[in-house]
Structure formats: structure tokens, C-alpha cells
Amino acid sequence: METIDNIQLKDESIYPNEDVIKKVLGRSFNTYLDLIELFNNFDLAQEWRYYKDGKAWLCKVQKKKKTIVWMSAWKGYMKAAVYVPIRLIDDVYNLDISDETKNNIKDTKNVGKSKPCIFEIRNNEALKDLEKVMDFKIHAK
């Protein structure tokens, strides 16, 4: 597991525009563009902000006022985290997502009353499961 020290976009003075993100992601940049298109298909708003507590730029992805995904940039890939209330996590395990994804979610420590569902976006394969978990989060009550 990588540590927070490997997160990119740590310079508060450099806004993560497309050129900056392209340099960080390299070969996975086209997958990032597909991810942005996926967000747009769900009518999700994206906002990059610098967070002093984590000392890095993060992208908050929202449907109206509901946060659906938190994104961070790492060398060669993006991490997308969907926080699901623990009371609903069994519903996530029942989604048509890969066993690998389910095991990764199960192995992730809870954060408060939520279970982080973390996806490493290196290629389009990861987008399939992310899309299903995002859709679940959007419609969850």
C-alpha cells in the first residue's frame, strides 16, 4: 500500500489543470479523460481544491450537494474513493462488480461510519466497477 508521501499535486500554487494532470498520469491520462466523461454522463460536478490537512489537491465530485467521489492524483494513475455508509456496504458487495474489487473494499479500514471503496484508475477496466459503485452511491438513501 502506498503512503500519502507518494501522492502528487502537493504544490498549493500549481492548480491541477489538464497539462499538469497529464504530466502526472502519463500513459493513464486517456483513461482519466474517460473518467471525466463518465462523471459528465452522470451529471456530476468536479471541483479541485487544495486541502491543507492532506497537503495536496483533491477533486470532489458531486451530484447536487451529495459528494459521490473523492479523487487524488498519484504517479501514473488516479485514485477514486467512494465512501459508502457501513449500513449499506452489503448492498455494494451484491453489485455486479469483480471479486477483486469486493475483496479490496473488504480489506480497506472503515473511516468513521463509512467504508471507502477505493479504485486505482490506471485503465478502463477499473471504470466498470467504479461506475456501478458510483451509481449505487448516487441512488442510495
N, C-alpha and C. Protein backbone atom coordinates (compact mmCIF):
# COMPACT_ATOMS: atom_id res chain seq x y z
N MET A 1 0.85 -1.18 0.00
CA MET A 1 0.00 0.00 0.00
C MET A 1 0.89 1.24 0.00
N GLU A 2 0.54 2.20 -0.84
CA GLU A 2 1.34 3.41 -0.92
C GLU A 2 0.98 4.36 0.21
N THR A 3 1.91 5.19 0.56
CA THR A 3 1.67 6.15 1.62
C THR A 3 1.29 7.49 1.03
N ILE A 4 0.82 8.36 1.87
CA ILE A 4 0.41 9.70 1.45
C ILE A 4 1.59 10.46 0.83
N ASP A 5 2.83 10.04 1.16
CA ASP A 5 4.00 10.72 0.61
C ASP A 5 4.12 10.56 -0.90
N ASN A 6 3.45 9.56 -1.48
CA ASN A 6 3.53 9.33 -2.91
C ASN A 6 2.45 10.06 -3.70
N ILE A 7 1.57 10.73 -2.98
CA ILE A 7 0.53 11.48 -3.66
C ILE A 7 1.19 12.65 -4.41
N GLN A 8 0.62 12.98 -5.54
CA GLN A 8 1.13 14.07 -6.37
C GLN A 8 0.29 15.33 -6.11
N LEU A 9 0.56 16.37 -6.87
CA LEU A 9 -0.17 17.65 -6.80
C LEU A 9 -0.11 18.23 -5.39
N LYS A 10 1.10 18.31 -4.86
CA LYS A 10 1.28 18.80 -3.50
C LYS A 10 1.59 20.30 -3.43
N ASP A 11 1.88 20.91 -4.56
CA ASP A 11 2.22 22.33 -4.57
C ASP A 11 0.94 23.16 -4.65
N GLU A 12 0.65 23.87 -3.56
CA GLU A 12 -0.58 24.66 -3.47
C GLU A 12 -0.68 25.71 -4.57
N SER A 13 0.46 26.18 -5.07
CA SER A 13 0.46 27.26 -6.05
C SER A 13 0.23 26.78 -7.49
N ILE A 14 0.21 25.45 -7.71
CA ILE A 14 0.03 24.92 -9.07
C ILE A 14 -1.32 24.22 -9.16
N TYR A 15 -2.28 24.90 -9.81
CA TYR A 15 -3.62 24.34 -9.99
C TYR A 15 -3.53 23.13 -10.93
N PRO A 16 -4.22 22.04 -10.61
CA PRO A 16 -4.15 20.83 -11.46
C PRO A 16 -5.00 20.93 -12.72
N ASN A 17 -4.50 21.72 -13.67
CA ASN A 17 -5.19 21.80 -14.96
C ASN A 17 -4.84 20.55 -15.78
N GLU A 18 -5.37 20.47 -16.97
CA GLU A 18 -5.20 19.27 -17.80
C GLU A 18 -3.72 18.97 -18.09
N ASP A 19 -2.92 20.00 -18.36
CA ASP A 19 -1.50 19.79 -18.66
C ASP A 19 -0.75 19.23 -17.45
N VAL A 20 -1.05 19.76 -16.27
CA VAL A 20 -0.40 19.29 -15.04
C VAL A 20 -0.78 17.83 -14.79
N ILE A 21 -2.06 17.52 -14.93
CA ILE A 21 -2.53 16.15 -14.69
C ILE A 21 -1.93 15.19 -15.71
N LYS A 22 -1.80 15.63 -16.95
CA LYS A 22 -1.22 14.78 -17.99
C LYS A 22 0.22 14.38 -17.65
N LYS A 23 0.99 15.31 -17.10
CA LYS A 23 2.38 15.01 -16.71
C LYS A 23 2.42 13.99 -15.58
N VAL A 24 1.50 14.08 -14.64
CA VAL A 24 1.46 13.16 -13.50
C VAL A 24 1.01 11.77 -13.95
N LEU A 25 -0.01 11.71 -14.79
CA LEU A 25 -0.61 10.42 -15.15
C LEU A 25 0.11 9.67 -16.26
N GLY A 26 0.74 10.39 -17.16
CA GLY A 26 1.44 9.72 -18.26
C GLY A 26 0.49 8.88 -19.10
N ARG A 27 0.79 7.58 -19.23
CA ARG A 27 0.00 6.69 -20.10
C ARG A 27 -1.45 6.55 -19.68
N SER A 28 -1.76 6.78 -18.42
CA SER A 28 -3.15 6.60 -17.98
C SER A 28 -4.00 7.88 -18.15
N PHE A 29 -3.43 8.89 -18.79
CA PHE A 29 -4.17 10.15 -18.96
C PHE A 29 -5.44 9.95 -19.79
N ASN A 30 -5.40 9.13 -20.84
CA ASN A 30 -6.60 8.91 -21.65
C ASN A 30 -7.71 8.26 -20.83
N THR A 31 -7.33 7.38 -19.91
CA THR A 31 -8.32 6.77 -19.01
C THR A 31 -8.92 7.84 -18.10
N TYR A 32 -8.11 8.78 -17.66
CA TYR A 32 -8.60 9.91 -16.86
C TYR A 32 -9.65 10.69 -17.66
N LEU A 33 -9.38 10.93 -18.93
CA LEU A 33 -10.36 11.64 -19.77
C LEU A 33 -11.66 10.85 -19.86
N ASP A 34 -11.56 9.51 -19.96
CA ASP A 34 -12.76 8.67 -19.97
C ASP A 34 -13.50 8.76 -18.64
N LEU A 35 -12.75 8.88 -17.55
CA LEU A 35 -13.34 9.03 -16.23
C LEU A 35 -14.12 10.35 -16.15
N ILE A 36 -13.54 11.42 -16.64
CA ILE A 36 -14.22 12.72 -16.65
C ILE A 36 -15.50 12.63 -17.48
N GLU A 37 -15.44 11.93 -18.60
CA GLU A 37 -16.62 11.74 -19.44
C GLU A 37 -17.70 10.96 -18.67
N LEU A 38 -17.27 9.95 -17.91
CA LEU A 38 -18.20 9.18 -17.08
C LEU A 38 -18.88 10.09 -16.06
N PHE A 39 -18.10 10.94 -15.41
CA PHE A 39 -18.69 11.90 -14.47
C PHE A 39 -19.71 12.78 -15.17
N ASN A 40 -19.38 13.26 -16.36
CA ASN A 40 -20.28 14.12 -17.11
C ASN A 40 -21.57 13.38 -17.48
N ASN A 41 -21.45 12.09 -17.82
CA ASN A 41 -22.63 11.29 -18.16
C ASN A 41 -23.59 11.18 -16.98
N PHE A 42 -23.05 11.20 -15.76
CA PHE A 42 -23.87 11.15 -14.55
C PHE A 42 -24.25 12.55 -14.06
N ASP A 43 -23.88 13.57 -14.83
CA ASP A 43 -24.16 14.96 -14.47
C ASP A 43 -23.54 15.32 -13.12
N LEU A 44 -22.28 14.92 -12.95
CA LEU A 44 -21.56 15.18 -11.71
C LEU A 44 -20.63 16.38 -11.89
N ALA A 45 -20.59 17.24 -10.89
CA ALA A 45 -19.72 18.41 -10.91
C ALA A 45 -18.40 18.05 -10.25
N GLN A 46 -17.30 18.55 -10.84
CA GLN A 46 -15.96 18.28 -10.29
C GLN A 46 -15.33 19.59 -9.83
N GLU A 47 -14.71 19.53 -8.66
CA GLU A 47 -14.07 20.72 -8.13
C GLU A 47 -12.73 20.33 -7.50
N TRP A 48 -11.64 20.86 -8.05
CA TRP A 48 -10.31 20.67 -7.47
C TRP A 48 -10.08 21.73 -6.41
N ARG A 49 -9.63 21.29 -5.23
CA ARG A 49 -9.27 22.22 -4.16
C ARG A 49 -8.03 21.71 -3.46
N TYR A 50 -7.26 22.66 -2.97
CA TYR A 50 -6.08 22.29 -2.18
C TYR A 50 -6.51 22.13 -0.73
N TYR A 51 -6.19 20.97 -0.15
CA TYR A 51 -6.55 20.70 1.24
C TYR A 51 -5.28 20.74 2.08
N LYS A 52 -5.25 21.69 3.00
CA LYS A 52 -4.05 21.89 3.83
C LYS A 52 -3.80 20.70 4.76
N ASP A 53 -4.85 20.04 5.24
CA ASP A 53 -4.64 18.92 6.16
C ASP A 53 -3.93 17.75 5.47
N GLY A 54 -4.25 17.51 4.20
CA GLY A 54 -3.59 16.44 3.45
C GLY A 54 -2.42 16.94 2.61
N LYS A 55 -2.25 18.26 2.57
CA LYS A 55 -1.18 18.90 1.82
C LYS A 55 -1.16 18.46 0.35
N ALA A 56 -2.36 18.43 -0.27
CA ALA A 56 -2.45 18.04 -1.68
C ALA A 56 -3.78 18.53 -2.26
N TRP A 57 -3.79 18.59 -3.58
CA TRP A 57 -5.01 18.92 -4.31
C TRP A 57 -5.86 17.65 -4.41
N LEU A 58 -7.16 17.78 -4.11
CA LEU A 58 -8.11 16.69 -4.26
C LEU A 58 -9.28 17.19 -5.09
N CYS A 59 -9.90 16.28 -5.81
CA CYS A 59 -11.06 16.62 -6.61
C CYS A 59 -12.30 16.02 -5.96
N LYS A 60 -13.24 16.90 -5.60
CA LYS A 60 -14.51 16.46 -5.04
C LYS A 60 -15.51 16.40 -6.19
N VAL A 61 -16.16 15.24 -6.33
CA VAL A 61 -17.11 15.01 -7.41
C VAL A 61 -18.49 14.86 -6.78
N GLN A 62 -19.42 15.74 -7.19
CA GLN A 62 -20.72 15.81 -6.53
C GLN A 62 -21.89 15.71 -7.49
N LYS A 63 -22.99 15.19 -6.95
CA LYS A 63 -24.30 15.23 -7.62
C LYS A 63 -25.14 16.15 -6.75
N LYS A 64 -25.43 17.33 -7.26
CA LYS A 64 -26.04 18.39 -6.47
C LYS A 64 -25.14 18.65 -5.26
N LYS A 65 -25.61 18.43 -4.03
CA LYS A 65 -24.76 18.69 -2.86
C LYS A 65 -24.19 17.40 -2.26
N LYS A 66 -24.47 16.26 -2.88
CA LYS A 66 -24.03 14.96 -2.36
C LYS A 66 -22.67 14.59 -2.97
N THR A 67 -21.67 14.40 -2.11
CA THR A 67 -20.36 14.00 -2.60
C THR A 67 -20.40 12.52 -2.98
N ILE A 68 -19.98 12.23 -4.20
CA ILE A 68 -20.01 10.87 -4.73
C ILE A 68 -18.61 10.27 -4.73
N VAL A 69 -17.62 11.04 -5.18
CA VAL A 69 -16.25 10.54 -5.32
C VAL A 69 -15.27 11.59 -4.84
N TRP A 70 -14.18 11.13 -4.22
CA TRP A 70 -13.01 11.96 -3.95
C TRP A 70 -11.89 11.42 -4.82
N MET A 71 -11.20 12.29 -5.55
CA MET A 71 -10.10 11.86 -6.41
C MET A 71 -8.80 12.49 -5.98
N SER A 72 -7.74 11.69 -6.10
CA SER A 72 -6.39 12.18 -5.85
C SER A 72 -5.48 11.66 -6.95
N ALA A 73 -4.44 12.41 -7.25
CA ALA A 73 -3.51 12.05 -8.32
C ALA A 73 -2.25 11.40 -7.73
N TRP A 74 -1.84 10.30 -8.33
CA TRP A 74 -0.65 9.55 -7.94
C TRP A 74 0.20 9.38 -9.19
N LYS A 75 1.45 9.05 -9.03
CA LYS A 75 2.34 8.92 -10.19
C LYS A 75 1.83 7.80 -11.09
N GLY A 76 1.28 8.16 -12.24
CA GLY A 76 0.83 7.17 -13.23
C GLY A 76 -0.62 6.75 -13.12
N TYR A 77 -1.35 7.25 -12.13
CA TYR A 77 -2.77 6.87 -12.01
C TYR A 77 -3.52 7.82 -11.08
N MET A 78 -4.83 7.72 -11.13
CA MET A 78 -5.71 8.45 -10.22
C MET A 78 -6.29 7.45 -9.24
N LYS A 79 -6.56 7.93 -8.03
CA LYS A 79 -7.32 7.14 -7.07
C LYS A 79 -8.68 7.79 -6.94
N ALA A 80 -9.71 6.97 -7.01
CA ALA A 80 -11.08 7.45 -6.84
C ALA A 80 -11.67 6.71 -5.65
N ALA A 81 -12.15 7.45 -4.66
CA ALA A 81 -12.72 6.84 -3.46
C ALA A 81 -14.19 7.22 -3.34
N VAL A 82 -15.02 6.18 -3.18
CA VAL A 82 -16.44 6.37 -2.95
C VAL A 82 -16.69 5.90 -1.52
N TYR A 83 -17.17 6.79 -0.66
CA TYR A 83 -17.42 6.44 0.74
C TYR A 83 -18.88 6.03 0.89
N VAL A 84 -19.07 4.76 1.28
CA VAL A 84 -20.41 4.19 1.42
C VAL A 84 -20.70 3.98 2.90
N PRO A 85 -21.88 4.41 3.37
CA PRO A 85 -22.22 4.14 4.77
C PRO A 85 -22.12 2.63 5.07
N ILE A 86 -21.55 2.30 6.22
CA ILE A 86 -21.35 0.89 6.58
C ILE A 86 -22.67 0.13 6.53
N ARG A 87 -23.77 0.78 6.89
CA ARG A 87 -25.06 0.10 6.90
C ARG A 87 -25.48 -0.36 5.50
N LEU A 88 -24.87 0.19 4.46
CA LEU A 88 -25.22 -0.16 3.08
C LEU A 88 -24.16 -1.01 2.38
N ILE A 89 -23.08 -1.36 3.08
CA ILE A 89 -21.95 -1.99 2.39
C ILE A 89 -22.30 -3.37 1.82
N ASP A 90 -23.20 -4.11 2.47
CA ASP A 90 -23.59 -5.41 1.92
C ASP A 90 -24.25 -5.26 0.55
N ASP A 91 -24.96 -4.14 0.35
CA ASP A 91 -25.56 -3.87 -0.96
C ASP A 91 -24.49 -3.67 -2.02
N VAL A 92 -23.37 -3.08 -1.64
CA VAL A 92 -22.25 -2.90 -2.58
C VAL A 92 -21.68 -4.27 -2.95
N TYR A 93 -21.52 -5.15 -1.96
CA TYR A 93 -20.98 -6.48 -2.24
C TYR A 93 -21.90 -7.29 -3.15
N ASN A 94 -23.18 -6.92 -3.19
CA ASN A 94 -24.14 -7.62 -4.06
C ASN A 94 -24.19 -7.05 -5.47
N LEU A 95 -23.46 -5.96 -5.71
CA LEU A 95 -23.40 -5.39 -7.06
C LEU A 95 -22.63 -6.33 -7.99
N ASP A 96 -22.85 -6.17 -9.28
CA ASP A 96 -22.13 -6.96 -10.27
C ASP A 96 -20.75 -6.33 -10.52
N ILE A 97 -19.89 -6.47 -9.50
CA ILE A 97 -18.51 -5.98 -9.59
C ILE A 97 -17.57 -7.16 -9.36
N SER A 98 -16.33 -6.98 -9.74
CA SER A 98 -15.37 -8.10 -9.67
C SER A 98 -15.11 -8.51 -8.23
N ASP A 99 -14.74 -9.78 -8.07
CA ASP A 99 -14.38 -10.29 -6.74
C ASP A 99 -13.16 -9.55 -6.21
N GLU A 100 -12.25 -9.19 -7.11
CA GLU A 100 -11.06 -8.43 -6.69
C GLU A 100 -11.46 -7.09 -6.07
N THR A 101 -12.40 -6.41 -6.70
CA THR A 101 -12.88 -5.14 -6.17
C THR A 101 -13.55 -5.35 -4.82
N LYS A 102 -14.40 -6.36 -4.72
CA LYS A 102 -15.07 -6.65 -3.44
C LYS A 102 -14.05 -6.93 -2.35
N ASN A 103 -13.03 -7.72 -2.66
CA ASN A 103 -12.00 -8.04 -1.66
C ASN A 103 -11.21 -6.80 -1.25
N ASN A 104 -10.90 -5.94 -2.23
CA ASN A 104 -10.19 -4.70 -1.92
C ASN A 104 -11.02 -3.82 -0.97
N ILE A 105 -12.31 -3.76 -1.21
CA ILE A 105 -13.19 -2.96 -0.35
C ILE A 105 -13.22 -3.56 1.05
N LYS A 106 -13.38 -4.88 1.13
CA LYS A 106 -13.43 -5.56 2.43
C LYS A 106 -12.14 -5.35 3.22
N ASP A 107 -11.00 -5.28 2.52
CA ASP A 107 -9.70 -5.13 3.18
C ASP A 107 -9.40 -3.69 3.62
N THR A 108 -10.22 -2.74 3.18
CA THR A 108 -9.99 -1.34 3.50
C THR A 108 -10.63 -1.02 4.85
N LYS A 109 -9.89 -0.30 5.69
CA LYS A 109 -10.40 0.07 7.01
C LYS A 109 -11.52 1.08 6.89
N ASN A 110 -12.49 0.96 7.78
CA ASN A 110 -13.59 1.92 7.83
C ASN A 110 -13.06 3.30 8.21
N VAL A 111 -13.76 4.31 7.74
CA VAL A 111 -13.47 5.69 8.12
C VAL A 111 -14.75 6.21 8.75
N GLY A 112 -14.74 6.32 10.07
CA GLY A 112 -15.95 6.72 10.78
C GLY A 112 -17.04 5.68 10.54
N LYS A 113 -18.18 6.15 10.04
CA LYS A 113 -19.31 5.26 9.77
C LYS A 113 -19.40 4.89 8.29
N SER A 114 -18.28 5.05 7.57
CA SER A 114 -18.25 4.76 6.14
C SER A 114 -17.17 3.75 5.81
N LYS A 115 -17.37 3.07 4.68
CA LYS A 115 -16.39 2.13 4.14
C LYS A 115 -15.90 2.74 2.82
N PRO A 116 -14.61 3.05 2.74
CA PRO A 116 -14.08 3.58 1.47
C PRO A 116 -13.98 2.47 0.41
N CYS A 117 -14.51 2.76 -0.74
CA CYS A 117 -14.37 1.88 -1.91
C CYS A 117 -13.37 2.60 -2.82
N ILE A 118 -12.12 2.12 -2.81
CA ILE A 118 -11.05 2.83 -3.49
C ILE A 118 -10.67 2.12 -4.79
N PHE A 119 -10.59 2.90 -5.85
CA PHE A 119 -10.27 2.39 -7.18
C PHE A 119 -9.01 3.07 -7.68
N GLU A 120 -8.06 2.29 -8.17
CA GLU A 120 -6.89 2.84 -8.84
C GLU A 120 -7.21 2.89 -10.33
N ILE A 121 -7.30 4.09 -10.85
CA ILE A 121 -7.70 4.29 -12.25
C ILE A 121 -6.45 4.36 -13.11
N ARG A 122 -6.06 3.18 -13.60
CA ARG A 122 -4.90 3.06 -14.49
C ARG A 122 -5.32 2.76 -15.92
N ASN A 123 -6.48 2.09 -16.04
CA ASN A 123 -7.01 1.71 -17.36
C ASN A 123 -8.53 1.63 -17.26
N ASN A 124 -9.16 1.43 -18.39
CA ASN A 124 -10.62 1.48 -18.44
C ASN A 124 -11.28 0.31 -17.70
N GLU A 125 -10.55 -0.74 -17.42
CA GLU A 125 -11.11 -1.88 -16.69
C GLU A 125 -11.65 -1.43 -15.33
N ALA A 126 -10.92 -0.57 -14.65
CA ALA A 126 -11.33 -0.09 -13.32
C ALA A 126 -12.60 0.76 -13.39
N LEU A 127 -12.85 1.38 -14.54
CA LEU A 127 -14.01 2.26 -14.66
C LEU A 127 -15.33 1.50 -14.58
N LYS A 128 -15.33 0.24 -15.00
CA LYS A 128 -16.58 -0.55 -14.99
C LYS A 128 -17.12 -0.70 -13.58
N ASP A 129 -16.27 -1.14 -12.65
CA ASP A 129 -16.71 -1.32 -11.27
C ASP A 129 -16.97 0.02 -10.59
N LEU A 130 -16.13 1.01 -10.87
CA LEU A 130 -16.33 2.34 -10.29
C LEU A 130 -17.70 2.88 -10.70
N GLU A 131 -18.05 2.73 -11.96
CA GLU A 131 -19.34 3.23 -12.44
C GLU A 131 -20.50 2.62 -11.66
N LYS A 132 -20.43 1.32 -11.39
CA LYS A 132 -21.51 0.64 -10.67
C LYS A 132 -21.60 1.12 -9.22
N VAL A 133 -20.46 1.32 -8.57
CA VAL A 133 -20.45 1.79 -7.19
C VAL A 133 -20.91 3.25 -7.12
N MET A 134 -20.48 4.05 -8.09
CA MET A 134 -20.94 5.45 -8.15
C MET A 134 -22.45 5.52 -8.32
N ASP A 135 -22.98 4.72 -9.23
CA ASP A 135 -24.41 4.71 -9.48
C ASP A 135 -25.16 4.31 -8.20
N PHE A 136 -24.62 3.31 -7.50
CA PHE A 136 -25.22 2.90 -6.23
C PHE A 136 -25.24 4.07 -5.24
N LYS A 137 -24.10 4.76 -5.12
CA LYS A 137 -23.97 5.87 -4.16
C LYS A 137 -24.93 7.01 -4.53
N ILE A 138 -25.06 7.29 -5.81
CA ILE A 138 -25.95 8.38 -6.26
C ILE A 138 -27.39 8.10 -5.83
N HIS A 139 -27.81 6.83 -5.94
CA HIS A 139 -29.21 6.50 -5.68
C HIS A 139 -29.46 6.00 -4.25
N ALA A 140 -28.41 5.85 -3.45
CA ALA A 140 -28.57 5.34 -2.07
C ALA A 140 -29.23 6.40 -1.19
N LYS A 141 -30.05 5.94 -0.29
CA LYS A 141 -30.72 6.84 0.67
C LYS A 141 -30.14 6.64 2.04
